């Protein structure tokens, strides 16, 4: 049964309006929120019955209109103030000071989970292919004056050409500056090496160091640059880039790759957990290519091509969230 609320007098309306005008913006926001939460408690049937009786008593229409206006003012004014207060807070936000600080503002984030690969198109028309375990972030709005992205993982980028507009990629202390080009960028947080290879166009690469010592490099098509985060050293060579971008076509390529690198690639590519039971196995290296094979097929081939025992345990057998691959001595 609904609780019957009496209609407050005109004096109470006027006093309520005066008291509301003295509140701070924050108090008005709180009061408006409480009004909103209490909206279901308003006895609309009682209010209608009261108005009907007033009409029957022959009161003037303008008097009823005045009462309704005051009721509406009391109910709507707090919500209106909330809207104005919110807009003023947004409009008074300071402008970003530099490219890196912009990422604390409105950001679009795209996550490509392990075990998957995906493609996204940025608002400027640039196409980005994301490898497994990659996160891409960019500011909104994404305009010609602000084409900056933050990337952790691996991606192949086909950057749209926009007149008088630079496209920048940030990853930790690495900055890539492009003006319309195709390149592959790899910078996983767990990996020691950051790798950039340029297929088409030109790239300026800036790598921040200690004491503001910045390493700079300008890449031309065919260049592959590798930077060691641990040693703070770079290696730049011009070679066939097909093995570096083969992942985009579904190829998993190992070229004299140490076992630890193989393990991490399997974890990202197939979403499994890899365990290496003996540290002596870390010296083993693999050179092979897989194309659309299942994890079981990959495990079988890795075991056939080495002196190790490689075992695959489906998650259903070990009651785990992930399947498991184990490398151990025979």
C-alpha atoms as a PDB file:
ATOM      1  CA  UNK A   1       0.000   0.000   0.000  1.00  0.00           C
ATOM      2  CA  UNK A   2       1.448   3.399  -0.973  1.00  0.00           C
ATOM      3  CA  UNK A   3       2.279   5.893   1.704  1.00  0.00           C
ATOM      4  CA  UNK A   4       0.095   9.014   1.475  1.00  0.00           C
ATOM      5  CA  UNK A   5       2.212  12.154   1.353  1.00  0.00           C
ATOM      6  CA  UNK A   6       0.581  15.514   2.006  1.00  0.00           C
ATOM      7  CA  UNK A   7       1.171  18.317  -0.501  1.00  0.00           C
ATOM      8  CA  UNK A   8       3.442  20.991   1.036  1.00  0.00           C
ATOM      9  CA  UNK A   9       2.197  24.573   1.265  1.00  0.00           C
ATOM     10  CA  UNK A  10       3.358  27.454  -0.931  1.00  0.00           C
ATOM     11  CA  UNK A  11       5.432  28.771   1.963  1.00  0.00           C
ATOM     12  CA  UNK A  12       7.271  25.447   2.172  1.00  0.00           C
ATOM     13  CA  UNK A  13       7.950  25.593  -1.594  1.00  0.00           C
ATOM     14  CA  UNK A  14       9.414  29.086  -1.316  1.00  0.00           C
ATOM     15  CA  UNK A  15      11.529  28.168   1.714  1.00  0.00           C
ATOM     16  CA  UNK A  16      12.821  25.050  -0.073  1.00  0.00           C
ATOM     17  CA  UNK A  17      13.863  27.091  -3.129  1.00  0.00           C
ATOM     18  CA  UNK A  18      15.671  29.631  -0.941  1.00  0.00           C
ATOM     19  CA  UNK A  19      17.488  26.911   0.999  1.00  0.00           C
ATOM     20  CA  UNK A  20      18.487  25.169  -2.251  1.00  0.00           C
ATOM     21  CA  UNK A  21      20.021  28.376  -3.642  1.00  0.00           C
ATOM     22  CA  UNK A  22      22.419  28.532  -0.676  1.00  0.00           C
ATOM     23  CA  UNK A  23      23.840  25.063  -1.271  1.00  0.00           C
ATOM     24  CA  UNK A  24      27.290  24.489  -2.818  1.00  0.00           C
ATOM     25  CA  UNK A  25      27.636  22.750  -6.202  1.00  0.00           C
ATOM     26  CA  UNK A  26      28.642  19.508  -4.524  1.00  0.00           C
ATOM     27  CA  UNK A  27      25.692  19.630  -2.070  1.00  0.00           C
ATOM     28  CA  UNK A  28      23.308  20.341  -4.954  1.00  0.00           C
ATOM     29  CA  UNK A  29      24.708  17.319  -6.775  1.00  0.00           C
ATOM     30  CA  UNK A  30      24.149  15.098  -3.725  1.00  0.00           C
ATOM     31  CA  UNK A  31      20.614  16.451  -3.175  1.00  0.00           C
ATOM     32  CA  UNK A  32      19.698  15.954  -6.827  1.00  0.00           C
ATOM     33  CA  UNK A  33      20.975  12.383  -6.689  1.00  0.00           C
ATOM     34  CA  UNK A  34      18.848  11.686  -3.598  1.00  0.00           C
ATOM     35  CA  UNK A  35      15.783  13.175  -5.328  1.00  0.00           C
ATOM     36  CA  UNK A  36      16.396  10.902  -8.272  1.00  0.00           C
ATOM     37  CA  UNK A  37      16.653   7.839  -6.039  1.00  0.00           C
ATOM     38  CA  UNK A  38      13.389   8.841  -4.279  1.00  0.00           C
ATOM     39  CA  UNK A  39      11.424   9.356  -7.459  1.00  0.00           C
ATOM     40  CA  UNK A  40       9.641   6.027  -7.085  1.00  0.00           C
ATOM     41  CA  UNK A  41       8.353   7.036  -3.644  1.00  0.00           C
ATOM     42  CA  UNK A  42       6.341  10.002  -4.937  1.00  0.00           C
ATOM     43  CA  UNK A  43       2.591   9.396  -4.507  1.00  0.00           C
ATOM     44  CA  UNK A  44       1.375  10.332  -7.961  1.00  0.00           C
ATOM     45  CA  UNK A  45      -2.154   9.088  -7.222  1.00  0.00           C
ATOM     46  CA  UNK A  46      -2.371  11.342  -4.158  1.00  0.00           C
ATOM     47  CA  UNK A  47      -1.072  14.316  -6.128  1.00  0.00           C
ATOM     48  CA  UNK A  48      -3.642  13.741  -8.867  1.00  0.00           C
ATOM     49  CA  UNK A  49      -6.480  13.451  -6.316  1.00  0.00           C
ATOM     50  CA  UNK A  50      -5.415  16.721  -4.692  1.00  0.00           C
ATOM     51  CA  UNK A  51      -5.335  18.598  -7.996  1.00  0.00           C
ATOM     52  CA  UNK A  52      -8.744  17.229  -8.943  1.00  0.00           C
ATOM     53  CA  UNK A  53     -10.257  18.477  -5.677  1.00  0.00           C
ATOM     54  CA  UNK A  54      -8.716  21.900  -6.193  1.00  0.00           C
ATOM     55  CA  UNK A  55     -10.265  22.134  -9.646  1.00  0.00           C
ATOM     56  CA  UNK A  56     -13.648  21.129  -8.287  1.00  0.00           C
ATOM     57  CA  UNK A  57     -13.438  23.900  -5.687  1.00  0.00           C
ATOM     58  CA  UNK A  58     -13.284  26.360  -8.553  1.00  0.00           C
ATOM     59  CA  UNK A  59      -9.818  27.762  -7.955  1.00  0.00           C
ATOM     60  CA  UNK A  60      -8.444  29.816 -10.779  1.00  0.00           C
ATOM     61  CA  UNK A  61      -6.473  28.096 -13.497  1.00  0.00           C
ATOM     62  CA  UNK A  62      -3.511  30.424 -13.182  1.00  0.00           C
ATOM     63  CA  UNK A  63      -3.280  29.539  -9.457  1.00  0.00           C
ATOM     64  CA  UNK A  64      -3.017  25.844 -10.307  1.00  0.00           C
ATOM     65  CA  UNK A  65      -0.456  26.646 -12.964  1.00  0.00           C
ATOM     66  CA  UNK A  66       1.561  28.630 -10.429  1.00  0.00           C
ATOM     67  CA  UNK A  67       1.544  25.695  -7.985  1.00  0.00           C
ATOM     68  CA  UNK A  68       2.525  23.207 -10.683  1.00  0.00           C
ATOM     69  CA  UNK A  69       5.315  25.529 -11.823  1.00  0.00           C
ATOM     70  CA  UNK A  70       6.731  25.738  -8.303  1.00  0.00           C
ATOM     71  CA  UNK A  71       6.563  21.968  -7.851  1.00  0.00           C
ATOM     72  CA  UNK A  72       8.283  21.463 -11.199  1.00  0.00           C
ATOM     73  CA  UNK A  73      10.924  24.037 -10.300  1.00  0.00           C
ATOM     74  CA  UNK A  74      11.768  22.262  -7.047  1.00  0.00           C
ATOM     75  CA  UNK A  75      12.032  18.858  -8.764  1.00  0.00           C
ATOM     76  CA  UNK A  76      13.787  19.957 -11.958  1.00  0.00           C
ATOM     77  CA  UNK A  77      16.111  22.669 -10.638  1.00  0.00           C
ATOM     78  CA  UNK A  78      18.522  20.244  -8.910  1.00  0.00           C
ATOM     79  CA  UNK A  79      18.755  18.074 -12.036  1.00  0.00           C
ATOM     80  CA  UNK A  80      19.342  21.149 -14.185  1.00  0.00           C
ATOM     81  CA  UNK A  81      22.068  22.309 -11.827  1.00  0.00           C
ATOM     82  CA  UNK A  82      23.685  18.879 -12.020  1.00  0.00           C
ATOM     83  CA  UNK A  83      23.784  19.147 -15.813  1.00  0.00           C
ATOM     84  CA  UNK A  84      25.247  22.661 -15.787  1.00  0.00           C
ATOM     85  CA  UNK A  85      27.720  21.673 -13.074  1.00  0.00           C
ATOM     86  CA  UNK A  86      28.860  18.621 -15.065  1.00  0.00           C
ATOM     87  CA  UNK A  87      29.283  20.610 -18.282  1.00  0.00           C
ATOM     88  CA  UNK A  88      31.275  23.302 -16.487  1.00  0.00           C
ATOM     89  CA  UNK A  89      33.559  20.665 -14.967  1.00  0.00           C
ATOM     90  CA  UNK A  90      34.212  19.128 -18.388  1.00  0.00           C
ATOM     91  CA  UNK A  91      34.743  22.473 -20.139  1.00  0.00           C
ATOM     92  CA  UNK A  92      37.171  23.591 -17.441  1.00  0.00           C
ATOM     93  CA  UNK A  93      39.457  20.582 -17.825  1.00  0.00           C
ATOM     94  CA  UNK A  94      43.017  21.635 -18.756  1.00  0.00           C
ATOM     95  CA  UNK A  95      44.296  20.912 -22.230  1.00  0.00           C
ATOM     96  CA  UNK A  96      46.871  18.078 -22.545  1.00  0.00           C
ATOM     97  CA  UNK A  97      50.453  19.325 -22.375  1.00  0.00           C
ATOM     98  CA  UNK A  98      52.136  16.764 -24.609  1.00  0.00           C
ATOM     99  CA  UNK A  99      51.558  13.587 -26.572  1.00  0.00           C
ATOM    100  CA  UNK A 100      52.234  11.180 -23.701  1.00  0.00           C
ATOM    101  CA  UNK A 101      50.003  13.069 -21.251  1.00  0.00           C
ATOM    102  CA  UNK A 102      47.112  12.858 -23.685  1.00  0.00           C
ATOM    103  CA  UNK A 103      46.703   9.168 -22.832  1.00  0.00           C
ATOM    104  CA  UNK A 104      45.224  10.088 -19.444  1.00  0.00           C
ATOM    105  CA  UNK A 105      42.291  11.765 -21.196  1.00  0.00           C
ATOM    106  CA  UNK A 106      39.595  10.029 -23.259  1.00  0.00           C
ATOM    107  CA  UNK A 107      41.204   6.851 -24.583  1.00  0.00           C
ATOM    108  CA  UNK A 108      40.010   4.072 -26.865  1.00  0.00           C
ATOM    109  CA  UNK A 109      41.591   0.720 -25.999  1.00  0.00           C
ATOM    110  CA  UNK A 110      41.692  -2.365 -28.225  1.00  0.00           C
ATOM    111  CA  UNK A 111      42.866  -5.637 -26.692  1.00  0.00           C
ATOM    112  CA  UNK A 112      43.795  -8.687 -28.776  1.00  0.00           C
ATOM    113  CA  UNK A 113      43.844 -11.631 -26.317  1.00  0.00           C
ATOM    114  CA  UNK A 114      46.350 -14.462 -26.425  1.00  0.00           C
ATOM    115  CA  UNK A 115      45.377 -17.175 -28.862  1.00  0.00           C
ATOM    116  CA  UNK A 116      43.855 -14.685 -31.337  1.00  0.00           C
ATOM    117  CA  UNK A 117      44.844 -12.194 -34.026  1.00  0.00           C
ATOM    118  CA  UNK A 118      42.741  -9.300 -35.260  1.00  0.00           C
ATOM    119  CA  UNK A 119      42.592  -6.238 -37.486  1.00  0.00           C
ATOM    120  CA  UNK A 120      41.322  -2.753 -36.658  1.00  0.00           C
ATOM    121  CA  UNK A 121      40.943   0.436 -38.676  1.00  0.00           C
ATOM    122  CA  UNK A 122      41.751   3.740 -37.003  1.00  0.00           C
ATOM    123  CA  UNK A 123      39.570   6.834 -37.549  1.00  0.00           C
ATOM    124  CA  UNK A 124      42.114   8.274 -40.034  1.00  0.00           C
ATOM    125  CA  UNK A 125      41.849   5.176 -42.254  1.00  0.00           C
ATOM    126  CA  UNK A 126      45.065   3.516 -41.056  1.00  0.00           C
ATOM    127  CA  UNK A 127      44.868  -0.290 -40.838  1.00  0.00           C
ATOM    128  CA  UNK A 128      46.454  -2.145 -37.925  1.00  0.00           C
ATOM    129  CA  UNK A 129      46.865  -5.924 -37.656  1.00  0.00           C
ATOM    130  CA  UNK A 130      47.302  -7.026 -34.041  1.00  0.00           C
ATOM    131  CA  UNK A 131      49.188 -10.137 -33.019  1.00  0.00           C
ATOM    132  CA  UNK A 132      48.202 -12.210 -29.986  1.00  0.00           C
ATOM    133  CA  UNK A 133      48.544 -10.565 -26.583  1.00  0.00           C
ATOM    134  CA  UNK A 134      48.630  -7.002 -27.942  1.00  0.00           C
ATOM    135  CA  UNK A 135      47.058  -3.838 -26.540  1.00  0.00           C
ATOM    136  CA  UNK A 136      46.451  -0.711 -28.638  1.00  0.00           C
ATOM    137  CA  UNK A 137      45.399   2.666 -27.214  1.00  0.00           C
ATOM    138  CA  UNK A 138      44.659   5.983 -28.902  1.00  0.00           C
ATOM    139  CA  UNK A 139      43.153   9.342 -27.990  1.00  0.00           C
ATOM    140  CA  UNK A 140      39.674  10.513 -28.829  1.00  0.00           C
ATOM    141  CA  UNK A 141      39.228  12.537 -30.918  1.00  0.00           C
ATOM    142  CA  UNK A 142      41.772  10.957 -33.272  1.00  0.00           C
ATOM    143  CA  UNK A 143      42.432  13.835 -35.684  1.00  0.00           C
ATOM    144  CA  UNK A 144      45.111  15.041 -38.100  1.00  0.00           C
ATOM    145  CA  UNK A 145      46.601  17.083 -35.251  1.00  0.00           C
ATOM    146  CA  UNK A 146      46.655  14.091 -32.904  1.00  0.00           C
ATOM    147  CA  UNK A 147      47.530  10.777 -34.538  1.00  0.00           C
ATOM    148  CA  UNK A 148      49.303   9.152 -31.603  1.00  0.00           C
ATOM    149  CA  UNK A 149      48.908   5.553 -30.493  1.00  0.00           C
ATOM    150  CA  UNK A 150      50.321   3.537 -27.611  1.00  0.00           C
ATOM    151  CA  UNK A 151      51.174  -0.056 -28.437  1.00  0.00           C
ATOM    152  CA  UNK A 152      52.268  -2.999 -26.296  1.00  0.00           C
ATOM    153  CA  UNK A 153      52.738  -6.264 -28.184  1.00  0.00           C
ATOM    154  CA  UNK A 154      53.129  -6.687 -31.926  1.00  0.00           C
ATOM    155  CA  UNK A 155      51.356  -5.035 -34.839  1.00  0.00           C
ATOM    156  CA  UNK A 156      51.696  -4.506 -38.572  1.00  0.00           C
ATOM    157  CA  UNK A 157      50.638  -0.979 -39.524  1.00  0.00           C
ATOM    158  CA  UNK A 158      49.574   0.392 -42.889  1.00  0.00           C
ATOM    159  CA  UNK A 159      49.441   4.090 -42.053  1.00  0.00           C
ATOM    160  CA  UNK A 160      47.180   6.386 -44.068  1.00  0.00           C
ATOM    161  CA  UNK A 161      48.831   9.429 -45.608  1.00  0.00           C
ATOM    162  CA  UNK A 162      47.453  12.678 -44.219  1.00  0.00           C
ATOM    163  CA  UNK A 163      48.926  15.975 -45.435  1.00  0.00           C
ATOM    164  CA  UNK A 164      51.038  17.802 -42.833  1.00  0.00           C
ATOM    165  CA  UNK A 165      50.244  15.202 -40.187  1.00  0.00           C
ATOM    166  CA  UNK A 166      52.654  12.943 -38.323  1.00  0.00           C
ATOM    167  CA  UNK A 167      51.664   9.515 -37.055  1.00  0.00           C
ATOM    168  CA  UNK A 168      53.426   8.438 -33.854  1.00  0.00           C
ATOM    169  CA  UNK A 169      53.692   5.137 -32.034  1.00  0.00           C
ATOM    170  CA  UNK A 170      54.707   5.034 -28.365  1.00  0.00           C
ATOM    171  CA  UNK A 171      55.780   1.994 -26.380  1.00  0.00           C
ATOM    172  CA  UNK A 172      57.504   2.576 -23.069  1.00  0.00           C
ATOM    173  CA  UNK A 173      60.540   4.722 -23.964  1.00  0.00           C
ATOM    174  CA  UNK A 174      60.375   4.078 -27.720  1.00  0.00           C
ATOM    175  CA  UNK A 175      58.846   6.521 -30.199  1.00  0.00           C
ATOM    176  CA  UNK A 176      58.247   5.817 -33.899  1.00  0.00           C
ATOM    177  CA  UNK A 177      57.451   8.776 -36.176  1.00  0.00           C
ATOM    178  CA  UNK A 178      55.917   8.012 -39.598  1.00  0.00           C
ATOM    179  CA  UNK A 179      54.192   9.957 -42.351  1.00  0.00           C
ATOM    180  CA  UNK A 180      52.459   7.223 -44.315  1.00  0.00           C
ATOM    181  CA  UNK A 181      54.128   3.846 -44.468  1.00  0.00           C
ATOM    182  CA  UNK A 182      53.980   0.091 -43.827  1.00  0.00           C
ATOM    183  CA  UNK A 183      55.976  -1.387 -40.977  1.00  0.00           C
ATOM    184  CA  UNK A 184      55.974  -4.044 -38.276  1.00  0.00           C
ATOM    185  CA  UNK A 185      56.438  -3.049 -34.639  1.00  0.00           C
ATOM    186  CA  UNK A 186      57.115  -5.515 -31.833  1.00  0.00           C
ATOM    187  CA  UNK A 187      57.433  -4.492 -28.179  1.00  0.00           C
ATOM    188  CA  UNK A 188      56.113  -7.030 -25.672  1.00  0.00           C
ATOM    189  CA  UNK A 189      56.595  -6.027 -22.048  1.00  0.00           C
ATOM    190  CA  UNK A 190      58.035  -9.456 -21.136  1.00  0.00           C
ATOM    191  CA  UNK A 191      60.534  -9.486 -24.017  1.00  0.00           C
ATOM    192  CA  UNK A 192      63.973  -7.909 -23.877  1.00  0.00           C
ATOM    193  CA  UNK A 193      63.997  -6.822 -27.495  1.00  0.00           C
ATOM    194  CA  UNK A 194      62.026  -4.139 -29.314  1.00  0.00           C
ATOM    195  CA  UNK A 195      61.951  -4.768 -33.076  1.00  0.00           C
ATOM    196  CA  UNK A 196      60.931  -2.518 -35.952  1.00  0.00           C
ATOM    197  CA  UNK A 197      61.084  -3.482 -39.621  1.00  0.00           C
ATOM    198  CA  UNK A 198      60.133  -1.149 -42.446  1.00  0.00           C
ATOM    199  CA  UNK A 199      58.404  -2.482 -45.558  1.00  0.00           C
ATOM    200  CA  UNK A 200      57.546   0.798 -47.286  1.00  0.00           C
ATOM    201  CA  UNK A 201      58.070   4.521 -46.667  1.00  0.00           C
ATOM    202  CA  UNK A 202      60.285   6.032 -43.963  1.00  0.00           C
ATOM    203  CA  UNK A 203      60.518   5.981 -40.188  1.00  0.00           C
ATOM    204  CA  UNK A 204      62.261   8.076 -37.564  1.00  0.00           C
ATOM    205  CA  UNK A 205      62.958   6.051 -34.437  1.00  0.00           C
ATOM    206  CA  UNK A 206      63.699   7.691 -31.092  1.00  0.00           C
ATOM    207  CA  UNK A 207      64.708   5.534 -28.112  1.00  0.00           C
ATOM    208  CA  UNK A 208      64.900   7.241 -24.743  1.00  0.00           C
ATOM    209  CA  UNK A 209      67.797   6.370 -22.472  1.00  0.00           C
ATOM    210  CA  UNK A 210      69.222   7.278 -19.110  1.00  0.00           C
ATOM    211  CA  UNK A 211      70.181  10.914 -18.460  1.00  0.00           C
ATOM    212  CA  UNK A 212      67.993  11.952 -21.395  1.00  0.00           C
ATOM    213  CA  UNK A 213      70.362  10.178 -23.787  1.00  0.00           C
ATOM    214  CA  UNK A 214      68.189   9.489 -26.830  1.00  0.00           C
ATOM    215  CA  UNK A 215      69.205   7.044 -29.553  1.00  0.00           C
ATOM    216  CA  UNK A 216      67.951   8.083 -32.969  1.00  0.00           C
ATOM    217  CA  UNK A 217      67.689   6.121 -36.201  1.00  0.00           C
ATOM    218  CA  UNK A 218      66.168   6.687 -39.623  1.00  0.00           C
ATOM    219  CA  UNK A 219      64.936   3.523 -41.335  1.00  0.00           C
ATOM    220  CA  UNK A 220      64.586   2.867 -45.039  1.00  0.00           C
ATOM    221  CA  UNK A 221      62.627   0.032 -46.711  1.00  0.00           C
ATOM    222  CA  UNK A 222      64.098  -3.368 -45.855  1.00  0.00           C
ATOM    223  CA  UNK A 223      65.652  -2.170 -42.601  1.00  0.00           C
ATOM    224  CA  UNK A 224      65.214  -4.212 -39.443  1.00  0.00           C
ATOM    225  CA  UNK A 225      66.177  -2.575 -36.157  1.00  0.00           C
ATOM    226  CA  UNK A 226      66.467  -4.512 -32.915  1.00  0.00           C
ATOM    227  CA  UNK A 227      66.914  -2.783 -29.570  1.00  0.00           C
ATOM    228  CA  UNK A 228      67.904  -4.570 -26.353  1.00  0.00           C
ATOM    229  CA  UNK A 229      66.226  -3.047 -23.307  1.00  0.00           C
ATOM    230  CA  UNK A 230      68.715  -4.763 -21.012  1.00  0.00           C
ATOM    231  CA  UNK A 231      71.932  -3.869 -22.831  1.00  0.00           C
ATOM    232  CA  UNK A 232      70.627  -0.503 -24.159  1.00  0.00           C
ATOM    233  CA  UNK A 233      72.106  -1.413 -27.550  1.00  0.00           C
ATOM    234  CA  UNK A 234      70.720  -1.376 -31.104  1.00  0.00           C
ATOM    235  CA  UNK A 235      71.393  -3.452 -34.189  1.00  0.00           C
ATOM    236  CA  UNK A 236      70.328  -2.277 -37.643  1.00  0.00           C
ATOM    237  CA  UNK A 237      70.521  -4.484 -40.722  1.00  0.00           C
ATOM    238  CA  UNK A 238      68.860  -4.532 -44.150  1.00  0.00           C
ATOM    239  CA  UNK A 239      67.482  -7.973 -44.997  1.00  0.00           C
ATOM    240  CA  UNK A 240      64.513 -10.012 -46.223  1.00  0.00           C
ATOM    241  CA  UNK A 241      61.677  -9.107 -43.894  1.00  0.00           C
ATOM    242  CA  UNK A 242      59.292 -11.941 -44.751  1.00  0.00           C
ATOM    243  CA  UNK A 243      59.972 -13.932 -41.560  1.00  0.00           C
ATOM    244  CA  UNK A 244      59.190 -10.884 -39.398  1.00  0.00           C
ATOM    245  CA  UNK A 245      55.778 -10.252 -40.929  1.00  0.00           C
ATOM    246  CA  UNK A 246      54.766 -13.860 -41.670  1.00  0.00           C
ATOM    247  CA  UNK A 247      52.567 -13.952 -38.543  1.00  0.00           C
ATOM    248  CA  UNK A 248      50.065 -11.694 -40.324  1.00  0.00           C
ATOM    249  CA  UNK A 249      49.436 -14.548 -42.786  1.00  0.00           C
ATOM    250  CA  UNK A 250      49.020 -17.138 -40.066  1.00  0.00           C
ATOM    251  CA  UNK A 251      52.605 -18.435 -40.134  1.00  0.00           C
ATOM    252  CA  UNK A 252      54.522 -19.121 -36.929  1.00  0.00           C
ATOM    253  CA  UNK A 253      58.211 -18.861 -37.833  1.00  0.00           C
ATOM    254  CA  UNK A 254      61.182 -19.819 -35.662  1.00  0.00           C
ATOM    255  CA  UNK A 255      64.602 -18.934 -37.063  1.00  0.00           C
ATOM    256  CA  UNK A 256      67.286 -20.278 -34.740  1.00  0.00           C
ATOM    257  CA  UNK A 257      65.026 -19.283 -31.847  1.00  0.00           C
ATOM    258  CA  UNK A 258      66.021 -20.272 -28.289  1.00  0.00           C
ATOM    259  CA  UNK A 259      63.594 -22.468 -26.364  1.00  0.00           C
ATOM    260  CA  UNK A 260      62.501 -19.622 -24.076  1.00  0.00           C
ATOM    261  CA  UNK A 261      61.402 -17.583 -27.112  1.00  0.00           C
ATOM    262  CA  UNK A 262      59.583 -20.625 -28.515  1.00  0.00           C
ATOM    263  CA  UNK A 263      57.787 -21.086 -25.198  1.00  0.00           C
ATOM    264  CA  UNK A 264      56.577 -17.477 -25.081  1.00  0.00           C
ATOM    265  CA  UNK A 265      55.382 -17.604 -28.694  1.00  0.00           C
ATOM    266  CA  UNK A 266      53.402 -20.770 -28.014  1.00  0.00           C
ATOM    267  CA  UNK A 267      51.799 -19.127 -24.971  1.00  0.00           C
ATOM    268  CA  UNK A 268      50.691 -16.120 -27.023  1.00  0.00           C
ATOM    269  CA  UNK A 269      49.811 -17.955 -30.236  1.00  0.00           C
ATOM    270  CA  UNK A 270      47.759 -20.752 -28.673  1.00  0.00           C
ATOM    271  CA  UNK A 271      46.847 -19.349 -25.244  1.00  0.00           C
ATOM    272  CA  UNK A 272      48.536 -22.208 -23.373  1.00  0.00           C
ATOM    273  CA  UNK A 273      50.848 -22.372 -20.374  1.00  0.00           C
ATOM    274  CA  UNK A 274      54.369 -23.632 -21.083  1.00  0.00           C
ATOM    275  CA  UNK A 275      56.622 -25.282 -18.513  1.00  0.00           C
ATOM    276  CA  UNK A 276      60.335 -26.016 -19.011  1.00  0.00           C
ATOM    277  CA  UNK A 277      61.389 -28.553 -16.385  1.00  0.00           C
ATOM    278  CA  UNK A 278      65.175 -28.351 -16.855  1.00  0.00           C
ATOM    279  CA  UNK A 279      67.276 -25.194 -17.294  1.00  0.00           C
ATOM    280  CA  UNK A 280      69.762 -27.131 -19.459  1.00  0.00           C
ATOM    281  CA  UNK A 281      67.062 -27.268 -22.140  1.00  0.00           C
ATOM    282  CA  UNK A 282      67.146 -23.475 -22.540  1.00  0.00           C
ATOM    283  CA  UNK A 283      70.238 -23.791 -24.731  1.00  0.00           C
ATOM    284  CA  UNK A 284      68.247 -25.676 -27.372  1.00  0.00           C
ATOM    285  CA  UNK A 285      67.264 -23.683 -30.478  1.00  0.00           C
ATOM    286  CA  UNK A 286      64.583 -24.249 -33.124  1.00  0.00           C
ATOM    287  CA  UNK A 287      64.369 -23.438 -36.817  1.00  0.00           C
ATOM    288  CA  UNK A 288      60.988 -24.332 -38.272  1.00  0.00           C
ATOM    289  CA  UNK A 289      57.718 -22.902 -39.625  1.00  0.00           C
ATOM    290  CA  UNK A 290      54.159 -23.808 -38.682  1.00  0.00           C
ATOM    291  CA  UNK A 291      51.119 -22.962 -40.792  1.00  0.00           C
ATOM    292  CA  UNK A 292      47.664 -23.334 -39.275  1.00  0.00           C
ATOM    293  CA  UNK A 293      48.671 -26.395 -37.223  1.00  0.00           C
ATOM    294  CA  UNK A 294      46.848 -27.208 -33.997  1.00  0.00           C
ATOM    295  CA  UNK A 295      48.754 -27.061 -30.718  1.00  0.00           C
ATOM    296  CA  UNK A 296      48.830 -30.869 -30.589  1.00  0.00           C
ATOM    297  CA  UNK A 297      50.388 -31.009 -34.070  1.00  0.00           C
ATOM    298  CA  UNK A 298      52.945 -28.372 -33.112  1.00  0.00           C
ATOM    299  CA  UNK A 299      53.911 -30.282 -29.962  1.00  0.00           C
ATOM    300  CA  UNK A 300      54.318 -33.525 -31.944  1.00  0.00           C
ATOM    301  CA  UNK A 301      56.545 -31.834 -34.542  1.00  0.00           C
ATOM    302  CA  UNK A 302      58.675 -30.095 -31.889  1.00  0.00           C
ATOM    303  CA  UNK A 303      59.268 -33.425 -30.202  1.00  0.00           C
ATOM    304  CA  UNK A 304      60.159 -35.170 -33.467  1.00  0.00           C
ATOM    305  CA  UNK A 305      62.727 -32.496 -34.369  1.00  0.00           C
ATOM    306  CA  UNK A 306      64.555 -32.507 -31.031  1.00  0.00           C
ATOM    307  CA  UNK A 307      65.977 -34.759 -28.342  1.00  0.00           C
ATOM    308  CA  UNK A 308      63.427 -33.490 -25.799  1.00  0.00           C
ATOM    309  CA  UNK A 309      60.177 -34.914 -24.582  1.00  0.00           C
ATOM    310  CA  UNK A 310      57.337 -32.473 -25.320  1.00  0.00           C
ATOM    311  CA  UNK A 311      53.971 -33.202 -23.732  1.00  0.00           C
ATOM    312  CA  UNK A 312      50.595 -31.547 -24.288  1.00  0.00           C
ATOM    313  CA  UNK A 313      47.961 -31.651 -21.514  1.00  0.00           C
ATOM    314  CA  UNK A 314      44.473 -30.341 -22.398  1.00  0.00           C
ATOM    315  CA  UNK A 315      42.904 -28.184 -19.693  1.00  0.00           C
ATOM    316  CA  UNK A 316      40.064 -30.676 -19.294  1.00  0.00           C
ATOM    317  CA  UNK A 317      42.564 -33.319 -18.164  1.00  0.00           C
ATOM    318  CA  UNK A 318      44.347 -31.153 -15.607  1.00  0.00           C
ATOM    319  CA  UNK A 319      41.336 -29.162 -14.365  1.00  0.00           C
ATOM    320  CA  UNK A 320      42.936 -25.829 -15.274  1.00  0.00           C
ATOM    321  CA  UNK A 321      41.933 -22.608 -17.008  1.00  0.00           C
ATOM    322  CA  UNK A 322      44.643 -23.225 -19.646  1.00  0.00           C
ATOM    323  CA  UNK A 323      46.043 -26.221 -21.448  1.00  0.00           C
ATOM    324  CA  UNK A 324      49.685 -26.972 -20.727  1.00  0.00           C
ATOM    325  CA  UNK A 325      52.805 -27.785 -22.764  1.00  0.00           C
ATOM    326  CA  UNK A 326      55.742 -29.348 -20.919  1.00  0.00           C
ATOM    327  CA  UNK A 327      59.340 -29.531 -22.211  1.00  0.00           C
ATOM    328  CA  UNK A 328      61.493 -32.082 -20.387  1.00  0.00           C
ATOM    329  CA  UNK A 329      64.405 -34.447 -20.876  1.00  0.00           C
ATOM    330  CA  UNK A 330      63.746 -37.814 -22.402  1.00  0.00           C
END
